[in-house]
C-alpha cells in the first residue's frame, strides 16, 4: 500500500451501536473526538453512508461535515458528486467500517484498504485487504504503522499535552498525521488506551509536562496519571527518545533555581559590550519576618520590585504576582510563599520574546508593562498599594505585537537590542539546560542598556513567529533530536 493520503469514515463507526430509534440518534462515544483529531491532523477526510440511512442520521453527518469541512457522500450512489474525488486514489485511502455492517458489494472495486472496527464481540474479519481495530482511538497509530511500511525513515512522534495546547499547535499545522518533508508523523497519546501499548508504535515523545502537573509540594511533583505512566515507561526504557527528558525541565519549574542558573551568564560578558544577565533577585519565606530594607539592599534590589511565587507553573496560583512600591507593603502581601522578589527593570514597555527551536532562534517584539514612574502616576493619588495581577490573565500592558524576527532571515526596526549577544545567550542556555525547545523573555534596561532575561519557559507556543518559518524549524528540531539520539 502507498502512504495513506485520506480516510473515509463509514456511518457505522460514527453512530452508537444498536441505535434503531430515529428520534434518539447518537454518535458513538469518541466519534466526534476522532473526527476532530483527524481534521486537525490535516489528512484528507470524508464520511459516507448508504442510501437508506434515516434522514435524522444524515442530518447529523452533514452537521459534522459542515463543522469540519469534510466530504459527505453516499457510497455506491452513481449520482454522487463527491465520490469521484475518492475513487481514483488507488490504495492510498483507508476506509473505516464497523464489523456490524454488511459491506457494500462494490466496495472492493475501489482498491481501498478496509479497516474494520470490531464492536460487540463480533467475529473477526480475515480478508486479505482488511485490518482490524477495537477502538476508534487506535486509528491514528494504525495509519502511522501503514505509512512506515511505505515511507523510508518515517518517524512517529507521540505528543501529550492539554487539549487547548494541542488545538493551538494543530490548527497551525504543527501536528500532521501524514509525513512532513523531513519524515515526521504526529499522533496524540490518548488516555483512552494503555500508554505502554501506544509507545510501542512511537519513536519520539513530545510533551508539555507543565500542563500535566497536579500539585507541587516542596520538591515533589505530582503529575496526571498519563504523565506518571510515561515517567514509569521512560525509567524502564532509558534509550527512548523524548523531547525533552523530564529532569531537564525541572529548573524551569522553579523561579529561584532558574535565577541561579542565569547568574552564569556573566561568562558571556566582555568589556566594552552590553551586559546580558538575569534580574537581581531574593528569596523570601515569610513576609512578616522579612527585614525588607536590609535584605533588599544586600540583593542589589530597589523599589519598586516584582514579587513572584517560587513555583513557576503547574499550580493554580503560580502566576499570581505583585508589584510592590513601598517596604511596608511586603507585610501581608497575598503572593504565595515561598516567593522570589525580582528586580523591576524599566524597559520602555518593550519585551523581546525569544524562541529556541533546536539550532534555530527566533524572536518577537511585544508591548510590555510600563516603566515604574508611569505605574506610580496611574495609582490613586499617594496610595501606592501593591499592584496585584495574574500574569496569565491580565497585565498592565498593551499586548499588541510590533514586529518579529528570525536569525539569518529577518531584521528588526528596533536597533537597540544586541541580537548577537542574546543569540549567544540562547545557545548558552540551550547547552546549560540541555533543552531542545524553550523560550525566554528579554528586556533592555533604560540607562545601563543591560539585556536582562526575566523569564524562561518550556515548549512555548512561538505563535508570534509566522507559521511558515517556525513550524518547519519546530519539525527540524524534533527530527535532529531523534537522529542524534539514534545515530
Foldseek 3Di string as FASTA:
>chain_A
DAQAQEEEEEVQQFWDPPPPPLVDTDTHVCNLVLVVQQLLLVGQYAYEYAPPDDPSSVVVRVVSCVVSVHHYYYPPDPPTPPCVVQQPPAANYEYEHEPVDDDDPCVVVSNYQYEYAYPDPDDDDDDPRYHYDPDSLCVLLVSVVVNPVHDPPAAEEEEDADPVLVCLCSNLNLAHQGQDPVRYHYHYQDPVDPNVVSCVSHQEYEYQQLRFFPDDDPNDTDGHPVVVSVVVVCVVVVLRHYQDPPVLCSQQQFPVSVLVVQQVQQVLDDPPDAAEGAWQKDWDAALVPDPQPVRCVVSVADPFWKKAERGCGNDDQRQKIKTAGDSVQSHPDPHDPRIMITHDFAFQQKKWKWKFAALWIKIWIWGHAHGPVVVCVPDDDNPRHIDIDGVVPDDNIDGDTDGIGIPPPGDDPDPLDDVVSVSVVVVVCCVVSVGRIWMWMWGQHPPSRHTYTHHIGGPDSPVVDRSVPVSVSNVVSSVVSSVVSVD
